[in-house]
Amino acid sequence: MRLSEKARRMLKELEGYVAEPYQDVAGRWVIGYGTRITDPDRDYSREEIEALFEEAVQRAEKAVERLVKVPLKQHQFDALVLFVYNIGEDAFAQSSMLRFVNQEDFRKAAREFLRWVYADQKVLAGLLERRYRERLVFEYGMYV
């Protein structure tokens, strides 16, 4: 499966676009749509930023394909890719959400989105909104 165009647009909206390197809430250097970079001192063209975004989306897609062992509907796949793009493959691989998905307990899996709203042990309003939106995609296919 591949990320749908609706989900791709949603991901860009959720991440926002910043043309200059900056540190995210976890202290990692990112650019563009929250794409991680290793060299914050170099100049990136818009084309390079878009290419980095596409590579990151593909990594998230591959992670979901590799880790999820049960069939998914397109909207479930989309929501998981949005989630993995944000938290990373390693965190997803260790998550209760993945365990519930692989048990096909999608109701419990959907509840797990709201456990991922913290940074430095504080709820971040932006993460809370994002997780609600990802959950709506996962449960109902609502790309809001």
Protein backbone atom coordinates (compact mmCIF):
# COMPACT_ATOMS: atom_id res chain seq x y z
CA MET A 1 0.00 0.00 0.00
CA ARG A 2 0.96 3.61 -0.45
CA LEU A 3 -0.10 6.74 1.39
CA SER A 4 -3.21 8.21 -0.21
CA GLU A 5 -3.19 11.73 -1.62
CA LYS A 6 -5.68 12.83 1.05
CA ALA A 7 -3.35 11.58 3.76
CA ARG A 8 -0.29 13.11 2.08
CA ARG A 9 -2.00 16.53 2.07
CA MET A 10 -3.04 16.01 5.68
CA LEU A 11 0.50 15.08 6.69
CA LYS A 12 1.89 18.25 5.13
CA GLU A 13 -0.76 20.28 6.93
CA LEU A 14 -0.08 18.56 10.27
CA GLU A 15 3.65 19.09 9.98
CA GLY A 16 3.59 22.59 8.51
CA TYR A 17 6.41 23.83 6.31
CA VAL A 18 9.56 25.53 7.53
CA ALA A 19 12.24 26.27 4.92
CA GLU A 20 15.10 26.62 7.41
CA PRO A 21 16.51 23.88 9.66
CA TYR A 22 15.15 23.94 13.22
CA GLN A 23 15.08 21.68 16.26
CA ASP A 24 11.82 19.88 16.99
CA VAL A 25 10.45 19.34 20.51
CA ALA A 26 12.70 16.28 20.88
CA GLY A 27 15.78 18.31 19.94
CA ARG A 28 16.27 16.68 16.53
CA TRP A 29 17.19 18.81 13.52
CA VAL A 30 14.41 18.93 10.94
CA ILE A 31 13.39 20.93 7.89
CA GLY A 32 10.43 21.33 5.58
CA TYR A 33 7.61 19.11 6.81
CA GLY A 34 9.37 17.99 9.96
CA THR A 35 11.82 15.81 8.02
CA ARG A 36 14.92 14.87 9.98
CA ILE A 37 18.26 16.06 8.64
CA THR A 38 21.85 15.45 9.64
CA ASP A 39 23.41 18.75 8.49
CA PRO A 40 21.56 21.81 9.81
CA ASP A 41 24.29 24.15 8.54
CA ARG A 42 23.79 23.60 4.83
CA ASP A 43 21.30 25.29 2.54
CA TYR A 44 18.47 23.13 1.21
CA SER A 45 16.52 23.92 -1.94
CA ARG A 46 12.74 23.48 -2.04
CA GLU A 47 13.29 20.51 -4.37
CA GLU A 48 15.67 18.87 -1.89
CA ILE A 49 13.22 19.45 0.95
CA GLU A 50 10.39 17.85 -1.05
CA ALA A 51 12.65 14.90 -1.93
CA LEU A 52 13.57 14.44 1.75
CA PHE A 53 9.86 14.47 2.61
CA GLU A 54 9.10 11.80 0.00
CA GLU A 55 11.94 9.60 1.30
CA ALA A 56 10.64 9.94 4.86
CA VAL A 57 7.10 9.04 3.74
CA GLN A 58 8.44 5.97 1.95
CA ARG A 59 10.34 4.90 5.08
CA ALA A 60 7.16 5.23 7.14
CA GLU A 61 5.16 3.27 4.55
CA LYS A 62 7.74 0.49 4.52
CA ALA A 63 7.80 0.38 8.32
CA VAL A 64 4.03 -0.06 8.49
CA GLU A 65 4.12 -2.70 5.75
CA ARG A 66 6.89 -4.60 7.50
CA LEU A 67 5.55 -4.41 11.06
CA VAL A 68 1.82 -4.85 10.53
CA LYS A 69 0.97 -8.51 9.95
CA VAL A 70 -2.78 -8.19 9.28
CA PRO A 71 -4.74 -6.69 6.39
CA LEU A 72 -5.51 -2.98 6.69
CA LYS A 73 -8.02 -0.73 5.01
CA GLN A 74 -6.53 2.26 3.19
CA HIS A 75 -7.58 4.71 5.90
CA GLN A 76 -6.02 2.55 8.64
CA PHE A 77 -2.78 2.31 6.69
CA ASP A 78 -2.83 6.08 6.12
CA ALA A 79 -3.31 6.82 9.81
CA LEU A 80 -0.49 4.49 10.81
CA VAL A 81 1.87 6.06 8.26
CA LEU A 82 1.01 9.54 9.58
CA PHE A 83 1.72 8.27 13.08
CA VAL A 84 4.99 6.51 12.21
CA TYR A 85 6.19 9.55 10.25
CA ASN A 86 5.88 11.49 13.50
CA ILE A 87 7.08 9.05 16.17
CA GLY A 88 9.50 6.90 14.16
CA GLU A 89 9.69 3.23 13.30
CA ASP A 90 11.47 2.11 16.48
CA ALA A 91 8.86 3.64 18.79
CA PHE A 92 6.03 2.17 16.70
CA ALA A 93 7.69 -1.27 16.70
CA GLN A 94 7.66 -1.27 20.51
CA SER A 95 4.17 0.19 20.90
CA SER A 96 0.99 -1.30 22.31
CA MET A 97 -0.75 0.17 19.28
CA LEU A 98 1.14 -2.15 16.95
CA ARG A 99 0.38 -5.12 19.19
CA PHE A 100 -3.35 -4.30 19.14
CA VAL A 101 -3.31 -3.77 15.37
CA ASN A 102 -1.67 -7.15 14.85
CA GLN A 103 -4.30 -8.71 17.12
CA GLU A 104 -6.90 -7.03 14.91
CA ASP A 105 -8.25 -5.23 17.96
CA PHE A 106 -8.66 -1.97 16.07
CA ARG A 107 -10.80 -0.36 18.77
CA LYS A 108 -8.01 -0.69 21.35
CA ALA A 109 -5.44 0.34 18.75
CA ALA A 110 -7.41 3.54 18.06
CA ARG A 111 -7.36 4.44 21.76
CA GLU A 112 -3.57 4.24 21.73
CA PHE A 113 -3.21 7.37 19.59
CA LEU A 114 -4.04 9.56 22.57
CA ARG A 115 -1.23 8.05 24.64
CA TRP A 116 1.28 9.75 22.30
CA VAL A 117 0.66 13.40 23.19
CA TYR A 118 3.53 14.07 25.60
CA ALA A 119 6.87 15.83 25.37
CA ASP A 120 8.92 16.23 28.54
CA GLN A 121 6.02 14.65 30.46
CA LYS A 122 3.67 17.46 29.39
CA VAL A 123 0.70 17.23 27.05
CA LEU A 124 1.34 19.31 23.94
CA ALA A 125 -1.80 20.85 22.45
CA GLY A 126 -0.47 20.38 18.91
CA LEU A 127 0.19 16.69 19.48
CA LEU A 128 -3.21 16.24 21.10
CA GLU A 129 -4.95 17.74 18.05
CA ARG A 130 -2.79 15.69 15.69
CA ARG A 131 -3.57 12.42 17.49
CA TYR A 132 -7.30 13.14 17.46
CA ARG A 133 -7.11 13.72 13.72
CA GLU A 134 -5.02 10.58 13.13
CA ARG A 135 -7.49 8.58 15.20
CA LEU A 136 -10.41 9.88 13.13
CA VAL A 137 -8.63 8.71 9.99
CA PHE A 138 -7.83 5.33 11.54
CA GLU A 139 -11.33 4.63 12.89
CA TYR A 140 -13.62 6.32 10.40
CA GLY A 141 -11.62 7.36 7.34
CA MET A 142 -12.29 11.02 8.20
CA TYR A 143 -9.46 13.17 6.82
CA VAL A 144 -10.13 16.35 8.79
